[in-house]
Amino acid sequence: MQITVQDEGRDMWQVYSSLKEYTAALEHCRDSLQRDCVYAAQVFPLALYTVFAIGRNQGFWSAMSYI
């Protein structure tokens, strides 16, 4: 039996962003949406999850329309 670990660092950019280590987070981004989330998190810390949710889930605005 052999165990292979693949893609274990795929969300490290989120971990580093939550720790406010933005340089390391940018190094682990895989696409422009993730980089935009990190840049937004530097300006407004809650934006990390908001921007990511908007980009990945089109129903975000309908769920948050009461704001």
N, C-alpha and C. Protein backbone atom coordinates (compact mmCIF):
# COMPACT_ATOMS: atom_id res chain seq x y z
N MET A 1 0.84 -1.17 0.00
CA MET A 1 0.00 0.00 0.00
C MET A 1 0.89 1.24 0.00
N GLN A 2 0.51 2.21 -0.81
CA GLN A 2 1.26 3.45 -0.90
C GLN A 2 0.29 4.62 -0.82
N ILE A 3 0.63 5.60 -0.03
CA ILE A 3 -0.20 6.79 0.12
C ILE A 3 0.52 7.96 -0.52
N THR A 4 -0.20 8.68 -1.36
CA THR A 4 0.37 9.84 -2.04
C THR A 4 -0.41 11.08 -1.64
N VAL A 5 0.30 12.11 -1.24
CA VAL A 5 -0.32 13.38 -0.88
C VAL A 5 -0.18 14.32 -2.06
N GLN A 6 -1.31 14.88 -2.49
CA GLN A 6 -1.29 15.80 -3.61
C GLN A 6 -2.07 17.06 -3.25
N ASP A 7 -1.58 18.18 -3.72
CA ASP A 7 -2.29 19.45 -3.61
C ASP A 7 -2.59 19.85 -2.17
N GLU A 8 -1.69 19.54 -1.25
CA GLU A 8 -1.94 19.83 0.16
C GLU A 8 -1.82 21.31 0.49
N GLY A 9 -1.20 22.11 -0.36
CA GLY A 9 -1.04 23.53 -0.07
C GLY A 9 -1.98 24.42 -0.83
N ARG A 10 -3.10 23.90 -1.32
CA ARG A 10 -3.97 24.67 -2.20
C ARG A 10 -4.62 25.87 -1.54
N ASP A 11 -4.85 25.82 -0.23
CA ASP A 11 -5.50 26.93 0.45
C ASP A 11 -4.57 27.67 1.41
N MET A 12 -3.29 27.52 1.22
CA MET A 12 -2.34 28.19 2.12
C MET A 12 -2.42 29.70 2.00
N TRP A 13 -2.83 30.20 0.86
CA TRP A 13 -2.95 31.65 0.71
C TRP A 13 -3.99 32.20 1.70
N GLN A 14 -5.05 31.43 1.97
CA GLN A 14 -6.05 31.86 2.95
C GLN A 14 -5.49 31.82 4.37
N VAL A 15 -4.71 30.81 4.65
CA VAL A 15 -4.11 30.68 5.99
C VAL A 15 -3.19 31.86 6.25
N TYR A 16 -2.31 32.15 5.29
CA TYR A 16 -1.38 33.27 5.47
C TYR A 16 -2.12 34.61 5.53
N SER A 17 -3.17 34.76 4.76
CA SER A 17 -3.94 36.01 4.82
C SER A 17 -4.59 36.19 6.18
N SER A 18 -5.12 35.11 6.74
CA SER A 18 -5.75 35.22 8.05
C SER A 18 -4.72 35.54 9.14
N LEU A 19 -3.47 35.15 8.91
CA LEU A 19 -2.39 35.48 9.84
C LEU A 19 -1.77 36.84 9.56
N LYS A 20 -2.32 37.53 8.55
CA LYS A 20 -1.84 38.86 8.12
C LYS A 20 -0.40 38.82 7.59
N GLU A 21 -0.02 37.69 7.01
CA GLU A 21 1.27 37.55 6.34
C GLU A 21 1.01 37.59 4.84
N TYR A 22 0.81 38.81 4.35
CA TYR A 22 0.32 39.00 2.99
C TYR A 22 1.36 38.65 1.93
N THR A 23 2.63 38.85 2.20
CA THR A 23 3.66 38.50 1.22
C THR A 23 3.67 37.00 0.98
N ALA A 24 3.61 36.22 2.03
CA ALA A 24 3.57 34.77 1.89
C ALA A 24 2.27 34.33 1.23
N ALA A 25 1.18 35.01 1.54
CA ALA A 25 -0.10 34.67 0.92
C ALA A 25 -0.05 34.88 -0.59
N LEU A 26 0.54 35.99 -1.01
CA LEU A 26 0.65 36.27 -2.45
C LEU A 26 1.50 35.23 -3.17
N GLU A 27 2.51 34.71 -2.50
CA GLU A 27 3.36 33.69 -3.10
C GLU A 27 2.60 32.38 -3.33
N HIS A 28 1.56 32.13 -2.56
CA HIS A 28 0.81 30.88 -2.66
C HIS A 28 -0.46 31.00 -3.49
N CYS A 29 -0.75 32.17 -4.02
CA CYS A 29 -1.94 32.34 -4.85
C CYS A 29 -1.78 31.62 -6.18
N ARG A 30 -2.87 31.03 -6.65
CA ARG A 30 -2.84 30.29 -7.91
C ARG A 30 -3.49 31.04 -9.06
N ASP A 31 -4.35 32.00 -8.76
CA ASP A 31 -5.01 32.75 -9.83
C ASP A 31 -5.23 34.20 -9.40
N SER A 32 -5.74 34.98 -10.33
CA SER A 32 -5.89 36.41 -10.06
C SER A 32 -6.97 36.69 -9.02
N LEU A 33 -7.98 35.86 -8.94
CA LEU A 33 -9.02 36.06 -7.93
C LEU A 33 -8.44 35.92 -6.53
N GLN A 34 -7.59 34.94 -6.33
CA GLN A 34 -6.96 34.76 -5.02
C GLN A 34 -6.06 35.94 -4.69
N ARG A 35 -5.30 36.43 -5.68
CA ARG A 35 -4.44 37.60 -5.45
C ARG A 35 -5.28 38.82 -5.10
N ASP A 36 -6.41 39.00 -5.80
CA ASP A 36 -7.29 40.12 -5.50
C ASP A 36 -7.83 40.04 -4.08
N CYS A 37 -8.12 38.82 -3.63
CA CYS A 37 -8.60 38.64 -2.25
C CYS A 37 -7.54 39.04 -1.24
N VAL A 38 -6.29 38.70 -1.52
CA VAL A 38 -5.21 39.05 -0.60
C VAL A 38 -5.00 40.56 -0.58
N TYR A 39 -5.01 41.19 -1.76
CA TYR A 39 -4.86 42.65 -1.81
C TYR A 39 -6.01 43.33 -1.07
N ALA A 40 -7.22 42.83 -1.24
CA ALA A 40 -8.37 43.40 -0.55
C ALA A 40 -8.26 43.19 0.96
N ALA A 41 -7.75 42.05 1.37
CA ALA A 41 -7.61 41.77 2.80
C ALA A 41 -6.61 42.72 3.46
N GLN A 42 -5.64 43.19 2.70
CA GLN A 42 -4.68 44.15 3.25
C GLN A 42 -5.38 45.47 3.57
N VAL A 43 -6.33 45.85 2.75
CA VAL A 43 -7.03 47.11 2.93
C VAL A 43 -8.17 46.96 3.93
N PHE A 44 -8.91 45.90 3.77
CA PHE A 44 -10.09 45.67 4.61
C PHE A 44 -10.12 44.19 4.98
N PRO A 45 -9.77 43.82 6.20
CA PRO A 45 -9.59 42.41 6.57
C PRO A 45 -10.78 41.50 6.28
N LEU A 46 -12.01 41.97 6.40
CA LEU A 46 -13.16 41.10 6.12
C LEU A 46 -13.38 40.88 4.63
N ALA A 47 -12.71 41.65 3.81
CA ALA A 47 -12.89 41.53 2.36
C ALA A 47 -12.37 40.20 1.83
N LEU A 48 -11.44 39.58 2.51
CA LEU A 48 -10.88 38.30 2.05
C LEU A 48 -11.99 37.30 1.78
N TYR A 49 -12.89 37.13 2.72
CA TYR A 49 -13.94 36.14 2.57
C TYR A 49 -15.06 36.65 1.67
N THR A 50 -15.34 37.94 1.70
CA THR A 50 -16.40 38.50 0.88
C THR A 50 -16.05 38.40 -0.60
N VAL A 51 -14.87 38.83 -0.99
CA VAL A 51 -14.46 38.79 -2.39
C VAL A 51 -14.36 37.35 -2.87
N PHE A 52 -13.83 36.47 -2.05
CA PHE A 52 -13.71 35.08 -2.45
C PHE A 52 -15.09 34.46 -2.66
N ALA A 53 -16.03 34.77 -1.78
CA ALA A 53 -17.38 34.22 -1.89
C ALA A 53 -18.08 34.75 -3.14
N ILE A 54 -17.88 36.02 -3.47
CA ILE A 54 -18.51 36.59 -4.66
C ILE A 54 -17.96 35.90 -5.91
N GLY A 55 -16.67 35.71 -5.96
CA GLY A 55 -16.06 35.11 -7.14
C GLY A 55 -16.39 33.65 -7.32
N ARG A 56 -16.53 32.92 -6.24
CA ARG A 56 -16.75 31.48 -6.33
C ARG A 56 -18.22 31.08 -6.26
N ASN A 57 -19.06 31.94 -5.71
CA ASN A 57 -20.47 31.59 -5.53
C ASN A 57 -21.33 32.72 -6.08
N GLN A 58 -21.94 32.48 -7.21
CA GLN A 58 -22.74 33.52 -7.85
C GLN A 58 -23.99 33.87 -7.05
N GLY A 59 -24.42 33.02 -6.17
CA GLY A 59 -25.60 33.29 -5.38
C GLY A 59 -25.33 34.12 -4.14
N PHE A 60 -24.12 34.59 -4.00
CA PHE A 60 -23.74 35.35 -2.80
C PHE A 60 -24.60 36.60 -2.65
N TRP A 61 -24.74 37.38 -3.71
CA TRP A 61 -25.47 38.63 -3.60
C TRP A 61 -26.95 38.39 -3.32
N SER A 62 -27.52 37.35 -3.87
CA SER A 62 -28.92 37.07 -3.58
C SER A 62 -29.11 36.68 -2.12
N ALA A 63 -28.14 35.99 -1.57
CA ALA A 63 -28.21 35.60 -0.17
C ALA A 63 -28.00 36.79 0.76
N MET A 64 -27.23 37.78 0.29
CA MET A 64 -26.88 38.92 1.12
C MET A 64 -27.66 40.18 0.72
N SER A 65 -28.76 40.04 0.03
CA SER A 65 -29.48 41.20 -0.50
C SER A 65 -30.14 42.05 0.58
N TYR A 66 -30.26 41.54 1.78
CA TYR A 66 -30.89 42.30 2.85
C TYR A 66 -29.98 43.38 3.41
N ILE A 67 -28.71 43.38 3.07
CA ILE A 67 -27.76 44.37 3.60
C ILE A 67 -27.94 45.70 2.91
